[in-house]
Amino acid sequence: MGYAPDSWTAAFTAIASSAAALTGLLFVALSINLDRVINGPGLVARAVEVLLLLVAVLIIATLLLMPGQGVDAAATEILVTAIVTSSLLAVIHIRAPRQALGVTTSNFILRVVGDQMGPLFLVIGAVTLLTRSGGGLYWVVPALIAAMVAAVIGAWVMLVEIVR
């Protein structure tokens, strides 16, 4: 079952719907605090980070909904999306002005680890899907959930924490 994408239609439909809804809520949060986000050091990048996580979830869930897709094609899509997402997140994290944001080192480390957890699990899922050993898609669903949780936390910052 972990190696048959067609068996996961319900899960990926729910995940794609959730990611789309959360993306809409992110835009609402950004519009409410637009002046603070634009003028705050590093906040535009933080908003892009959250959007990137949600879009990656949406892309993977949507691609995995394609009927009759081969396992190798699905694994390749997951792997490419994970690597691109992780790389773009790394660029955002490296450029983040931590001192200007008043973020502690431990909070920043938690943010980086939280953001990278989803892509890491996706890589594991893709590799195990390619080898048909070790779990396959059973890694992908937790990866997508981890990315959405990290995105929700980032969206919370955009909506509530920057007002404090």
N, C-alpha and C. Protein backbone atom coordinates (compact mmCIF):
# COMPACT_ATOMS: atom_id res chain seq x y z
N MET A 1 0.81 -1.20 0.00
CA MET A 1 0.00 0.00 0.00
C MET A 1 0.86 1.27 0.00
N GLY A 2 2.00 1.24 0.67
CA GLY A 2 2.86 2.41 0.73
C GLY A 2 3.56 2.73 -0.58
N TYR A 3 3.37 1.85 -1.57
CA TYR A 3 4.06 2.02 -2.84
C TYR A 3 3.08 2.12 -4.01
N ALA A 4 1.82 2.44 -3.70
CA ALA A 4 0.78 2.55 -4.72
C ALA A 4 0.08 3.91 -4.57
N PRO A 5 0.56 4.93 -5.30
CA PRO A 5 -0.03 6.27 -5.16
C PRO A 5 -1.54 6.33 -5.36
N ASP A 6 -2.09 5.49 -6.25
CA ASP A 6 -3.53 5.50 -6.49
C ASP A 6 -4.34 5.14 -5.26
N SER A 7 -3.73 4.45 -4.30
CA SER A 7 -4.43 4.06 -3.07
C SER A 7 -4.55 5.21 -2.07
N TRP A 8 -3.88 6.30 -2.34
CA TRP A 8 -3.80 7.40 -1.40
C TRP A 8 -4.62 8.62 -1.83
N THR A 9 -5.57 8.44 -2.73
CA THR A 9 -6.34 9.55 -3.27
C THR A 9 -7.03 10.37 -2.19
N ALA A 10 -7.68 9.71 -1.26
CA ALA A 10 -8.41 10.44 -0.21
C ALA A 10 -7.46 11.28 0.65
N ALA A 11 -6.33 10.71 1.03
CA ALA A 11 -5.37 11.44 1.87
C ALA A 11 -4.82 12.65 1.14
N PHE A 12 -4.43 12.48 -0.12
CA PHE A 12 -3.84 13.60 -0.85
C PHE A 12 -4.88 14.65 -1.23
N THR A 13 -6.12 14.24 -1.41
CA THR A 13 -7.20 15.21 -1.66
C THR A 13 -7.40 16.08 -0.42
N ALA A 14 -7.43 15.45 0.75
CA ALA A 14 -7.60 16.21 2.00
C ALA A 14 -6.42 17.14 2.23
N ILE A 15 -5.22 16.66 1.97
CA ILE A 15 -4.02 17.48 2.19
C ILE A 15 -3.99 18.66 1.21
N ALA A 16 -4.29 18.41 -0.06
CA ALA A 16 -4.30 19.50 -1.04
C ALA A 16 -5.34 20.55 -0.67
N SER A 17 -6.51 20.11 -0.23
CA SER A 17 -7.56 21.05 0.18
C SER A 17 -7.12 21.86 1.39
N SER A 18 -6.51 21.21 2.35
CA SER A 18 -6.03 21.90 3.55
C SER A 18 -4.95 22.92 3.21
N ALA A 19 -4.02 22.53 2.37
CA ALA A 19 -2.94 23.44 1.99
C ALA A 19 -3.48 24.66 1.24
N ALA A 20 -4.46 24.43 0.37
CA ALA A 20 -5.06 25.55 -0.37
C ALA A 20 -5.77 26.50 0.59
N ALA A 21 -6.51 25.94 1.55
CA ALA A 21 -7.21 26.78 2.53
C ALA A 21 -6.22 27.56 3.40
N LEU A 22 -5.15 26.91 3.84
CA LEU A 22 -4.15 27.59 4.66
C LEU A 22 -3.42 28.68 3.87
N THR A 23 -3.22 28.45 2.59
CA THR A 23 -2.60 29.48 1.75
C THR A 23 -3.49 30.71 1.68
N GLY A 24 -4.78 30.50 1.54
CA GLY A 24 -5.72 31.63 1.55
C GLY A 24 -5.70 32.37 2.87
N LEU A 25 -5.64 31.63 3.97
CA LEU A 25 -5.58 32.27 5.28
C LEU A 25 -4.28 33.05 5.47
N LEU A 26 -3.19 32.56 4.89
CA LEU A 26 -1.93 33.30 4.95
C LEU A 26 -2.08 34.66 4.29
N PHE A 27 -2.74 34.69 3.14
CA PHE A 27 -2.93 35.98 2.46
C PHE A 27 -3.81 36.91 3.27
N VAL A 28 -4.78 36.37 3.97
CA VAL A 28 -5.60 37.20 4.86
C VAL A 28 -4.73 37.77 5.98
N ALA A 29 -3.92 36.91 6.60
CA ALA A 29 -3.04 37.36 7.69
C ALA A 29 -2.08 38.44 7.20
N LEU A 30 -1.54 38.24 6.01
CA LEU A 30 -0.61 39.23 5.46
C LEU A 30 -1.31 40.54 5.15
N SER A 31 -2.52 40.48 4.64
CA SER A 31 -3.23 41.72 4.31
C SER A 31 -3.60 42.49 5.58
N ILE A 32 -3.87 41.79 6.66
CA ILE A 32 -4.21 42.45 7.93
C ILE A 32 -3.00 43.21 8.47
N ASN A 33 -1.83 42.64 8.34
CA ASN A 33 -0.61 43.23 8.89
C ASN A 33 0.38 43.66 7.81
N LEU A 34 -0.12 44.05 6.67
CA LEU A 34 0.75 44.31 5.52
C LEU A 34 1.82 45.37 5.82
N ASP A 35 1.45 46.47 6.45
CA ASP A 35 2.44 47.52 6.74
C ASP A 35 3.55 46.99 7.64
N ARG A 36 3.18 46.25 8.67
CA ARG A 36 4.20 45.70 9.58
C ARG A 36 5.10 44.70 8.88
N VAL A 37 4.51 43.87 8.02
CA VAL A 37 5.29 42.87 7.30
C VAL A 37 6.27 43.54 6.35
N ILE A 38 5.80 44.51 5.60
CA ILE A 38 6.66 45.18 4.63
C ILE A 38 7.78 45.95 5.32
N ASN A 39 7.48 46.58 6.44
CA ASN A 39 8.47 47.42 7.11
C ASN A 39 9.31 46.67 8.14
N GLY A 40 8.92 45.47 8.52
CA GLY A 40 9.67 44.71 9.51
C GLY A 40 10.85 44.00 8.88
N PRO A 41 12.00 44.04 9.55
CA PRO A 41 13.19 43.39 8.98
C PRO A 41 12.99 41.86 8.92
N GLY A 42 13.11 41.30 7.73
CA GLY A 42 13.03 39.86 7.56
C GLY A 42 11.63 39.29 7.47
N LEU A 43 10.61 40.13 7.63
CA LEU A 43 9.25 39.59 7.65
C LEU A 43 8.72 39.22 6.27
N VAL A 44 9.15 39.93 5.25
CA VAL A 44 8.74 39.55 3.90
C VAL A 44 9.32 38.17 3.57
N ALA A 45 10.56 37.96 3.92
CA ALA A 45 11.18 36.65 3.70
C ALA A 45 10.48 35.57 4.51
N ARG A 46 10.07 35.91 5.72
CA ARG A 46 9.34 34.93 6.55
C ARG A 46 8.00 34.59 5.91
N ALA A 47 7.35 35.57 5.32
CA ALA A 47 6.08 35.31 4.63
C ALA A 47 6.32 34.42 3.41
N VAL A 48 7.39 34.66 2.68
CA VAL A 48 7.73 33.82 1.53
C VAL A 48 8.03 32.40 1.99
N GLU A 49 8.70 32.27 3.11
CA GLU A 49 9.01 30.96 3.69
C GLU A 49 7.73 30.16 3.96
N VAL A 50 6.76 30.81 4.57
CA VAL A 50 5.49 30.15 4.88
C VAL A 50 4.77 29.79 3.59
N LEU A 51 4.75 30.71 2.64
CA LEU A 51 4.09 30.45 1.36
C LEU A 51 4.77 29.30 0.63
N LEU A 52 6.08 29.26 0.66
CA LEU A 52 6.84 28.19 0.02
C LEU A 52 6.47 26.82 0.60
N LEU A 53 6.39 26.74 1.91
CA LEU A 53 6.00 25.47 2.55
C LEU A 53 4.61 25.02 2.09
N LEU A 54 3.67 25.95 2.10
CA LEU A 54 2.30 25.59 1.71
C LEU A 54 2.19 25.23 0.24
N VAL A 55 2.89 25.95 -0.61
CA VAL A 55 2.85 25.66 -2.04
C VAL A 55 3.51 24.31 -2.33
N ALA A 56 4.58 24.00 -1.64
CA ALA A 56 5.23 22.69 -1.82
C ALA A 56 4.27 21.56 -1.45
N VAL A 57 3.55 21.72 -0.35
CA VAL A 57 2.55 20.72 0.05
C VAL A 57 1.48 20.60 -1.02
N LEU A 58 1.00 21.72 -1.48
CA LEU A 58 -0.05 21.73 -2.51
C LEU A 58 0.44 21.07 -3.80
N ILE A 59 1.65 21.36 -4.21
CA ILE A 59 2.21 20.77 -5.43
C ILE A 59 2.32 19.26 -5.31
N ILE A 60 2.91 18.79 -4.23
CA ILE A 60 3.09 17.34 -4.07
C ILE A 60 1.75 16.62 -3.98
N ALA A 61 0.84 17.13 -3.16
CA ALA A 61 -0.46 16.48 -3.02
C ALA A 61 -1.19 16.45 -4.35
N THR A 62 -1.10 17.53 -5.12
CA THR A 62 -1.78 17.59 -6.42
C THR A 62 -1.13 16.63 -7.41
N LEU A 63 0.19 16.62 -7.48
CA LEU A 63 0.87 15.71 -8.40
C LEU A 63 0.57 14.25 -8.08
N LEU A 64 0.48 13.93 -6.80
CA LEU A 64 0.22 12.55 -6.40
C LEU A 64 -1.23 12.14 -6.63
N LEU A 65 -2.07 13.08 -6.99
CA LEU A 65 -3.46 12.76 -7.32
C LEU A 65 -3.64 12.36 -8.80
N MET A 66 -2.60 12.50 -9.59
CA MET A 66 -2.71 12.13 -11.00
C MET A 66 -2.92 10.62 -11.12
N PRO A 67 -4.01 10.21 -11.77
CA PRO A 67 -4.30 8.77 -11.86
C PRO A 67 -3.32 8.03 -12.77
N GLY A 68 -3.04 6.80 -12.41
CA GLY A 68 -2.21 5.94 -13.23
C GLY A 68 -0.75 6.30 -13.28
N GLN A 69 -0.33 7.16 -12.38
CA GLN A 69 1.06 7.59 -12.36
C GLN A 69 1.95 6.47 -11.84
N GLY A 70 3.07 6.26 -12.46
CA GLY A 70 4.00 5.24 -12.01
C GLY A 70 4.68 5.62 -10.70
N VAL A 71 5.13 4.62 -10.01
CA VAL A 71 5.79 4.82 -8.71
C VAL A 71 7.08 5.63 -8.88
N ASP A 72 7.86 5.32 -9.91
CA ASP A 72 9.11 6.04 -10.11
C ASP A 72 8.87 7.51 -10.44
N ALA A 73 7.84 7.79 -11.22
CA ALA A 73 7.51 9.18 -11.53
C ALA A 73 7.08 9.92 -10.27
N ALA A 74 6.25 9.29 -9.45
CA ALA A 74 5.81 9.92 -8.20
C ALA A 74 7.00 10.19 -7.29
N ALA A 75 7.89 9.22 -7.18
CA ALA A 75 9.08 9.39 -6.32
C ALA A 75 9.95 10.53 -6.83
N THR A 76 10.11 10.63 -8.13
CA THR A 76 10.92 11.70 -8.71
C THR A 76 10.31 13.06 -8.43
N GLU A 77 8.99 13.17 -8.59
CA GLU A 77 8.30 14.43 -8.30
C GLU A 77 8.48 14.83 -6.83
N ILE A 78 8.35 13.87 -5.95
CA ILE A 78 8.52 14.14 -4.52
C ILE A 78 9.94 14.60 -4.24
N LEU A 79 10.90 13.87 -4.78
CA LEU A 79 12.31 14.17 -4.54
C LEU A 79 12.70 15.56 -5.07
N VAL A 80 12.30 15.87 -6.28
CA VAL A 80 12.64 17.17 -6.87
C VAL A 80 11.99 18.30 -6.06
N THR A 81 10.72 18.14 -5.72
CA THR A 81 10.04 19.18 -4.93
C THR A 81 10.69 19.35 -3.57
N ALA A 82 11.08 18.26 -2.94
CA ALA A 82 11.72 18.33 -1.63
C ALA A 82 13.06 19.05 -1.69
N ILE A 83 13.85 18.72 -2.69
CA ILE A 83 15.18 19.34 -2.82
C ILE A 83 15.06 20.83 -3.13
N VAL A 84 14.17 21.19 -4.03
CA VAL A 84 13.97 22.60 -4.38
C VAL A 84 13.47 23.37 -3.16
N THR A 85 12.48 22.80 -2.47
CA THR A 85 11.92 23.47 -1.28
C THR A 85 12.98 23.64 -0.20
N SER A 86 13.71 22.58 0.10
CA SER A 86 14.74 22.65 1.13
C SER A 86 15.82 23.67 0.77
N SER A 87 16.20 23.71 -0.49
CA SER A 87 17.23 24.67 -0.94
C SER A 87 16.75 26.11 -0.81
N LEU A 88 15.52 26.37 -1.24
CA LEU A 88 15.00 27.73 -1.14
C LEU A 88 14.83 28.15 0.32
N LEU A 89 14.37 27.22 1.16
CA LEU A 89 14.26 27.53 2.60
C LEU A 89 15.64 27.83 3.19
N ALA A 90 16.65 27.08 2.77
CA ALA A 90 18.00 27.31 3.28
C ALA A 90 18.49 28.71 2.92
N VAL A 91 18.21 29.15 1.71
CA VAL A 91 18.60 30.50 1.30
C VAL A 91 17.91 31.53 2.18
N ILE A 92 16.62 31.35 2.42
CA ILE A 92 15.88 32.28 3.29
C ILE A 92 16.47 32.29 4.69
N HIS A 93 16.76 31.11 5.22
CA HIS A 93 17.30 31.02 6.59
C HIS A 93 18.69 31.64 6.69
N ILE A 94 19.52 31.42 5.69
CA ILE A 94 20.88 31.97 5.71
C ILE A 94 20.84 33.50 5.68
N ARG A 95 19.91 34.05 4.92
CA ARG A 95 19.81 35.50 4.77
C ARG A 95 19.01 36.18 5.89
N ALA A 96 18.38 35.40 6.76
CA ALA A 96 17.50 35.97 7.79
C ALA A 96 18.29 36.85 8.76
N PRO A 97 17.83 38.09 8.97
CA PRO A 97 18.51 39.00 9.91
C PRO A 97 18.08 38.69 11.35
N ARG A 98 18.69 37.69 11.94
CA ARG A 98 18.27 37.22 13.27
C ARG A 98 18.36 38.29 14.35
N GLN A 99 19.41 39.08 14.34
CA GLN A 99 19.55 40.09 15.38
C GLN A 99 18.47 41.17 15.26
N ALA A 100 18.17 41.57 14.05
CA ALA A 100 17.18 42.62 13.84
C ALA A 100 15.78 42.18 14.25
N LEU A 101 15.52 40.89 14.16
CA LEU A 101 14.20 40.39 14.52
C LEU A 101 14.06 40.14 16.01
N GLY A 102 15.17 40.18 16.74
CA GLY A 102 15.11 39.91 18.17
C GLY A 102 14.82 38.45 18.47
N VAL A 103 15.17 37.58 17.56
CA VAL A 103 14.92 36.15 17.71
C VAL A 103 16.11 35.50 18.41
N THR A 104 15.82 34.68 19.40
CA THR A 104 16.90 33.98 20.09
C THR A 104 17.45 32.90 19.17
N THR A 105 18.68 32.50 19.44
CA THR A 105 19.32 31.47 18.63
C THR A 105 18.54 30.17 18.71
N SER A 106 18.08 29.81 19.90
CA SER A 106 17.34 28.54 20.03
C SER A 106 16.01 28.59 19.27
N ASN A 107 15.33 29.73 19.28
CA ASN A 107 14.08 29.85 18.50
C ASN A 107 14.35 29.77 17.01
N PHE A 108 15.45 30.37 16.58
CA PHE A 108 15.80 30.31 15.16
C PHE A 108 16.13 28.88 14.74
N ILE A 109 16.87 28.18 15.58
CA ILE A 109 17.21 26.78 15.30
C ILE A 109 15.93 25.93 15.21
N LEU A 110 15.00 26.15 16.13
CA LEU A 110 13.73 25.42 16.09
C LEU A 110 12.97 25.73 14.79
N ARG A 111 13.01 26.97 14.37
CA ARG A 111 12.35 27.36 13.12
C ARG A 111 12.97 26.65 11.93
N VAL A 112 14.29 26.63 11.85
CA VAL A 112 14.98 25.98 10.74
C VAL A 112 14.69 24.47 10.74
N VAL A 113 14.82 23.86 11.91
CA VAL A 113 14.56 22.42 12.00
C VAL A 113 13.11 22.11 11.63
N GLY A 114 12.18 22.91 12.14
CA GLY A 114 10.77 22.70 11.83
C GLY A 114 10.48 22.84 10.35
N ASP A 115 11.08 23.85 9.72
CA ASP A 115 10.88 24.06 8.28
C ASP A 115 11.48 22.94 7.44
N GLN A 116 12.62 22.43 7.86
CA GLN A 116 13.33 21.42 7.07
C GLN A 116 12.83 19.99 7.34
N MET A 117 12.04 19.80 8.39
CA MET A 117 11.55 18.46 8.73
C MET A 117 10.71 17.87 7.60
N GLY A 118 9.78 18.66 7.05
CA GLY A 118 8.94 18.18 5.96
C GLY A 118 9.75 17.75 4.75
N PRO A 119 10.63 18.62 4.23
CA PRO A 119 11.45 18.21 3.09
C PRO A 119 12.33 16.99 3.38
N LEU A 120 12.87 16.89 4.59
CA LEU A 120 13.68 15.73 4.94
C LEU A 120 12.86 14.45 4.86
N PHE A 121 11.67 14.46 5.46
CA PHE A 121 10.80 13.29 5.39
C PHE A 121 10.40 12.98 3.96
N LEU A 122 10.24 14.01 3.14
CA LEU A 122 9.90 13.80 1.73
C LEU A 122 11.03 13.07 0.99
N VAL A 123 12.25 13.47 1.27
CA VAL A 123 13.40 12.79 0.65
C VAL A 123 13.41 11.32 1.06
N ILE A 124 13.20 11.06 2.35
CA ILE A 124 13.15 9.67 2.81
C ILE A 124 12.01 8.92 2.11
N GLY A 125 10.85 9.55 2.03
CA GLY A 125 9.72 8.93 1.35
C GLY A 125 10.01 8.65 -0.10
N ALA A 126 10.64 9.58 -0.79
CA ALA A 126 10.95 9.40 -2.21
C ALA A 126 11.95 8.26 -2.41
N VAL A 127 12.98 8.23 -1.59
CA VAL A 127 14.00 7.18 -1.71
C VAL A 127 13.38 5.82 -1.40
N THR A 128 12.58 5.73 -0.36
CA THR A 128 11.96 4.44 -0.03
C THR A 128 10.90 4.05 -1.06
N LEU A 129 10.31 5.03 -1.71
CA LEU A 129 9.37 4.74 -2.79
C LEU A 129 10.12 4.20 -4.01
N LEU A 130 11.25 4.80 -4.33
CA LEU A 130 12.07 4.32 -5.45
C LEU A 130 12.59 2.91 -5.21
N THR A 131 13.00 2.64 -3.98
CA THR A 131 13.55 1.31 -3.65
C THR A 131 12.47 0.31 -3.27
N ARG A 132 11.24 0.83 -3.09
CA ARG A 132 10.10 0.00 -2.67
C ARG A 132 10.41 -0.76 -1.39
N SER A 133 11.08 -0.05 -0.50
CA SER A 133 11.45 -0.64 0.79
C SER A 133 11.60 0.48 1.81
N GLY A 134 10.95 0.35 2.97
CA GLY A 134 11.14 1.32 4.03
C GLY A 134 9.98 2.25 4.29
N GLY A 135 8.88 2.09 3.59
CA GLY A 135 7.71 2.88 3.93
C GLY A 135 7.06 3.64 2.80
N GLY A 136 7.85 4.16 1.86
CA GLY A 136 7.29 4.87 0.72
C GLY A 136 6.40 6.03 1.12
N LEU A 137 5.16 5.98 0.69
CA LEU A 137 4.22 7.08 0.93
C LEU A 137 3.86 7.25 2.40
N TYR A 138 4.16 6.25 3.21
CA TYR A 138 3.92 6.41 4.65
C TYR A 138 4.84 7.48 5.25
N TRP A 139 5.89 7.86 4.55
CA TRP A 139 6.74 8.98 4.96
C TRP A 139 6.21 10.31 4.41
N VAL A 140 5.52 10.25 3.29
CA VAL A 140 5.11 11.48 2.61
C VAL A 140 4.00 12.20 3.38
N VAL A 141 3.02 11.48 3.86
CA VAL A 141 1.93 12.14 4.59
C VAL A 141 2.44 12.86 5.84
N PRO A 142 3.23 12.22 6.70
CA PRO A 142 3.78 12.98 7.85
C PRO A 142 4.65 14.16 7.41
N ALA A 143 5.34 14.02 6.28
CA ALA A 143 6.16 15.12 5.77
C ALA A 143 5.29 16.31 5.42
N LEU A 144 4.18 16.05 4.75
CA LEU A 144 3.29 17.14 4.36
C LEU A 144 2.62 17.77 5.58
N ILE A 145 2.29 16.95 6.55
CA ILE A 145 1.72 17.48 7.79
C ILE A 145 2.76 18.34 8.52
N ALA A 146 4.00 17.86 8.58
CA ALA A 146 5.06 18.64 9.25
C ALA A 146 5.25 19.99 8.56
N ALA A 147 5.22 20.00 7.24
CA ALA A 147 5.37 21.26 6.51
C ALA A 147 4.20 22.20 6.80
N MET A 148 2.99 21.64 6.87
CA MET A 148 1.82 22.49 7.17
C MET A 148 1.88 23.03 8.59
N VAL A 149 2.34 22.23 9.54
CA VAL A 149 2.47 22.71 10.91
C VAL A 149 3.49 23.85 10.98
N ALA A 150 4.62 23.68 10.32
CA ALA A 150 5.63 24.75 10.29
C ALA A 150 5.06 26.01 9.63
N ALA A 151 4.27 25.83 8.59
CA ALA A 151 3.66 26.97 7.91
C ALA A 151 2.63 27.66 8.81
N VAL A 152 1.86 26.89 9.53
CA VAL A 152 0.86 27.48 10.44
C VAL A 152 1.56 28.29 11.53
N ILE A 153 2.65 27.77 12.05
CA ILE A 153 3.40 28.52 13.06
C ILE A 153 3.92 29.83 12.47
N GLY A 154 4.46 29.77 11.26
CA GLY A 154 4.92 30.98 10.59
C GLY A 154 3.79 31.96 10.31
N ALA A 155 2.64 31.44 9.92
CA ALA A 155 1.48 32.30 9.68
C ALA A 155 1.02 32.95 10.97
N TRP A 156 1.11 32.23 12.07
CA TRP A 156 0.76 32.78 13.39
C TRP A 156 1.66 33.99 13.69
N VAL A 157 2.91 33.86 13.38
CA VAL A 157 3.85 34.98 13.56
C VAL A 157 3.41 36.17 12.73
N MET A 158 3.00 35.91 11.48
CA MET A 158 2.55 36.98 10.58
C MET A 158 1.27 37.65 11.08
N LEU A 159 0.43 36.89 11.76
CA LEU A 159 -0.87 37.42 12.18
C LEU A 159 -0.84 38.02 13.57
N VAL A 160 -0.17 37.35 14.50
CA VAL A 160 -0.28 37.74 15.91
C VAL A 160 1.01 38.27 16.50
N GLU A 161 2.09 37.53 16.32
CA GLU A 161 3.33 37.87 17.02
C GLU A 161 3.92 39.21 16.60
N ILE A 162 3.76 39.59 15.33
CA ILE A 162 4.38 40.85 14.91
C ILE A 162 3.63 42.06 15.46
N VAL A 163 2.43 41.85 15.98
CA VAL A 163 1.67 42.95 16.56
C VAL A 163 2.19 43.25 17.97
N ARG A 164 2.76 42.25 18.61
CA ARG A 164 3.25 42.44 20.00
C ARG A 164 4.42 43.37 20.07
